Amino acid sequence: MNLNHWYEKGMTPDTYIESMEKNKQNLLHIYDHFTPPADTQFFQKLAEMNIRVIVLTEDWCGDAMLNIPILIRIAEQANIPVKMLLRDENLELMDQYLTNGKARSIPIFIFIDEAGNEVAKWGPRSKAIQQYLNDARDNLPPKEADDYEKKSKEMYLFMTKSFRDNKDIWQEVYTSLKHKLGQV
């Protein structure tokens, strides 16, 4: 599938961030406080690859709030152009990148070459963050329990705060992206 059409259709990260209503402040907090390591060789290799990124996202997504600013920082270091597409307005593309073949989980980062061919895909989260989320969900009461909704909301608030403030989590996302891109 040639992805150039989708890339051209996307908006710049600045336009996307300006349009945000729910997670804008948290995303900007991470962006403002995350500094990529001095991985000069890695960033040089990425720059030489001449790739671009399509990001499938939505403002309400906590994973997008966490992952997008880290991707943007990597892209800045390696001079990689990034375009954002809203998942719910681009289901035809989203449905080509379902998680486990069924879930429209986001964000999805699609790295493409000049010809519009996919060279790598990453998302919706790193394996370690997925395990962290699974462990948190395993500690919730059964869905039928009276306090399930309350406990679930508490868990997601805690996760959002952790994503926003825990620099170890930011580093995990960076490491996961670096590993994926290092395989290209």
Protein backbone atom coordinates (compact mmCIF):
# COMPACT_ATOMS: atom_id res chain seq x y z
CA MET A 1 0.00 0.00 0.00
CA ASN A 2 1.38 3.41 -0.97
CA LEU A 3 1.09 5.64 2.07
CA ASN A 4 2.07 8.95 0.45
CA HIS A 5 -1.60 9.94 0.07
CA TRP A 6 -2.17 9.45 3.80
CA TYR A 7 0.99 11.36 4.67
CA GLU A 8 -0.02 14.32 2.49
CA LYS A 9 -3.48 14.32 4.08
CA GLY A 10 -2.02 14.68 7.60
CA MET A 11 -1.60 17.79 9.69
CA THR A 12 1.60 19.03 11.27
CA PRO A 13 2.24 18.24 14.93
CA ASP A 14 1.82 21.95 15.77
CA THR A 15 -1.60 22.05 14.11
CA TYR A 16 -2.65 18.87 15.91
CA ILE A 17 -1.43 20.10 19.30
CA GLU A 18 -3.16 23.46 18.85
CA SER A 19 -6.43 21.63 18.14
CA MET A 20 -6.21 19.49 21.27
CA GLU A 21 -8.73 19.95 24.08
CA LYS A 22 -8.28 17.04 26.52
CA ASN A 23 -4.60 16.09 26.87
CA LYS A 24 -2.84 19.15 25.45
CA GLN A 25 -1.26 20.34 28.72
CA ASN A 26 0.02 16.88 29.67
CA LEU A 27 1.44 16.27 26.19
CA LEU A 28 3.19 19.64 26.26
CA HIS A 29 4.52 18.94 29.76
CA ILE A 30 6.18 15.76 28.50
CA TYR A 31 7.46 17.52 25.38
CA ASP A 32 8.90 20.38 27.44
CA HIS A 33 10.61 18.09 29.97
CA PHE A 34 11.82 15.15 27.85
CA THR A 35 15.31 15.48 26.42
CA PRO A 36 16.47 12.60 24.24
CA PRO A 37 19.82 11.05 25.14
CA ALA A 38 22.86 12.13 23.14
CA ASP A 39 22.47 9.24 20.66
CA THR A 40 24.32 10.98 17.84
CA GLN A 41 24.94 7.81 15.81
CA PHE A 42 21.30 6.73 16.11
CA PHE A 43 19.94 10.12 15.05
CA GLN A 44 22.42 10.33 12.18
CA LYS A 45 21.37 6.86 10.96
CA LEU A 46 17.70 7.92 11.10
CA ALA A 47 18.41 11.12 9.19
CA GLU A 48 20.21 9.15 6.48
CA MET A 49 17.22 6.83 6.09
CA ASN A 50 15.15 9.73 4.74
CA ILE A 51 11.94 8.48 6.33
CA ARG A 52 8.73 10.21 7.35
CA VAL A 53 6.10 9.34 9.97
CA ILE A 54 2.34 9.12 9.87
CA VAL A 55 0.76 9.19 13.34
CA LEU A 56 -2.75 7.86 13.90
CA THR A 57 -4.04 9.50 17.07
CA GLU A 58 -6.87 11.16 18.99
CA ASP A 59 -6.72 13.85 21.66
CA TRP A 60 -8.43 11.76 24.36
CA CYS A 61 -5.86 8.95 24.21
CA GLY A 62 -3.48 8.71 27.18
CA ASP A 63 -1.01 6.58 25.21
CA ALA A 64 -0.88 9.28 22.52
CA MET A 65 -0.33 11.91 25.21
CA LEU A 66 2.71 9.93 26.37
CA ASN A 67 4.19 8.68 23.09
CA ILE A 68 3.72 11.57 20.69
CA PRO A 69 5.99 14.11 22.42
CA ILE A 70 8.77 11.52 22.60
CA LEU A 71 8.37 10.72 18.91
CA ILE A 72 8.43 14.44 18.09
CA ARG A 73 11.68 14.88 20.03
CA ILE A 74 13.25 11.96 18.11
CA ALA A 75 11.96 13.41 14.83
CA GLU A 76 13.49 16.80 15.65
CA GLN A 77 16.88 15.23 16.34
CA ALA A 78 16.85 13.23 13.10
CA ASN A 79 15.03 15.75 10.89
CA ILE A 80 12.13 13.36 10.26
CA PRO A 81 8.91 14.97 9.02
CA VAL A 82 5.80 13.97 11.00
CA LYS A 83 2.15 14.20 9.99
CA MET A 84 -0.83 13.48 12.24
CA LEU A 85 -4.12 11.86 11.25
CA LEU A 86 -7.14 11.58 13.52
CA ARG A 87 -8.01 7.91 13.88
CA ASP A 88 -11.79 8.36 13.78
CA GLU A 89 -11.62 10.39 10.56
CA ASN A 90 -9.30 7.89 8.87
CA LEU A 91 -10.71 4.46 9.68
CA GLU A 92 -9.76 3.08 6.26
CA LEU A 93 -6.10 3.50 7.19
CA MET A 94 -6.61 2.66 10.87
CA ASP A 95 -8.20 -0.65 9.97
CA GLN A 96 -4.96 -1.65 8.22
CA TYR A 97 -3.16 -1.29 11.58
CA LEU A 98 -5.42 -3.00 14.09
CA THR A 99 -3.85 -4.18 17.32
CA ASN A 100 -4.13 -7.96 17.60
CA GLY A 101 -6.16 -7.88 14.39
CA LYS A 102 -9.20 -6.33 16.06
CA ALA A 103 -8.61 -3.21 18.19
CA ARG A 104 -8.28 0.34 16.88
CA SER A 105 -5.68 1.11 19.54
CA ILE A 106 -3.65 4.28 19.16
CA PRO A 107 -1.28 5.90 18.65
CA ILE A 108 0.16 4.06 15.69
CA PHE A 109 3.39 5.41 14.19
CA ILE A 110 3.86 4.38 10.54
CA PHE A 111 7.37 5.07 9.25
CA ILE A 112 7.51 5.38 5.45
CA ASP A 113 10.18 5.85 2.81
CA GLU A 114 10.16 8.38 -0.05
CA ALA A 115 8.08 6.07 -2.24
CA GLY A 116 5.39 5.76 0.44
CA ASN A 117 6.29 2.23 1.49
CA GLU A 118 6.03 1.25 5.13
CA VAL A 119 9.46 0.58 6.62
CA ALA A 120 8.35 0.18 10.26
CA LYS A 121 5.30 0.40 12.51
CA TRP A 122 5.22 1.13 16.23
CA GLY A 123 2.36 1.36 18.69
CA PRO A 124 0.17 1.69 20.51
CA ARG A 125 2.65 1.30 23.39
CA SER A 126 5.93 -0.34 24.36
CA LYS A 127 5.90 -3.90 25.72
CA ALA A 128 6.91 -2.72 29.21
CA ILE A 129 4.12 -0.12 29.30
CA GLN A 130 1.67 -2.77 28.07
CA GLN A 131 2.73 -5.02 30.95
CA TYR A 132 2.36 -2.11 33.39
CA LEU A 133 -1.18 -1.53 32.11
CA ASN A 134 -2.02 -5.25 32.20
CA ASP A 135 -0.83 -5.48 35.82
CA ALA A 136 -2.94 -2.47 36.78
CA ARG A 137 -6.02 -3.94 35.07
CA ASP A 138 -5.44 -7.29 36.79
CA ASN A 139 -5.79 -5.52 40.15
CA LEU A 140 -9.22 -4.13 39.31
CA PRO A 141 -12.30 -5.78 40.79
CA PRO A 142 -14.52 -7.81 38.44
CA LYS A 143 -16.55 -5.70 35.98
CA GLU A 144 -19.74 -6.75 37.77
CA ALA A 145 -18.52 -5.37 41.11
CA ASP A 146 -20.18 -2.25 42.50
CA ASP A 147 -16.87 -0.42 42.79
CA TYR A 148 -15.49 -1.41 39.35
CA GLU A 149 -16.26 1.95 37.68
CA LYS A 150 -14.76 3.91 40.58
CA LYS A 151 -11.63 1.76 40.73
CA SER A 152 -11.25 1.83 36.95
CA LYS A 153 -11.41 5.66 36.88
CA GLU A 154 -8.88 5.82 39.72
CA MET A 155 -6.54 3.49 37.82
CA TYR A 156 -6.74 5.59 34.64
CA LEU A 157 -6.15 8.81 36.59
CA PHE A 158 -3.10 7.22 38.20
CA MET A 159 -1.85 6.00 34.81
CA THR A 160 -2.29 9.47 33.29
CA LYS A 161 -0.34 11.03 36.16
CA SER A 162 2.37 8.38 35.84
CA PHE A 163 2.62 8.93 32.08
CA ARG A 164 2.84 12.68 32.63
CA ASP A 165 5.40 12.70 35.41
CA ASN A 166 7.45 9.49 35.44
CA LYS A 167 10.65 10.06 33.46
CA ASP A 168 11.44 6.31 33.60
CA ILE A 169 8.28 5.72 31.58
CA TRP A 170 9.38 8.35 29.06
CA GLN A 171 12.75 6.63 28.77
CA GLU A 172 11.02 3.27 28.21
CA VAL A 173 9.06 4.75 25.29
CA TYR A 174 12.24 6.26 23.85
CA THR A 175 14.10 2.94 24.19
CA SER A 176 11.25 1.02 22.56
CA LEU A 177 11.11 3.42 19.60
CA LYS A 178 14.89 3.35 19.26
CA HIS A 179 14.86 -0.45 19.25
CA LYS A 180 12.13 -0.57 16.58
CA LEU A 181 13.86 1.97 14.37
CA GLY A 182 17.22 0.32 14.88
CA GLN A 183 15.79 -2.80 13.21
CA VAL A 184 15.03 -0.94 9.97
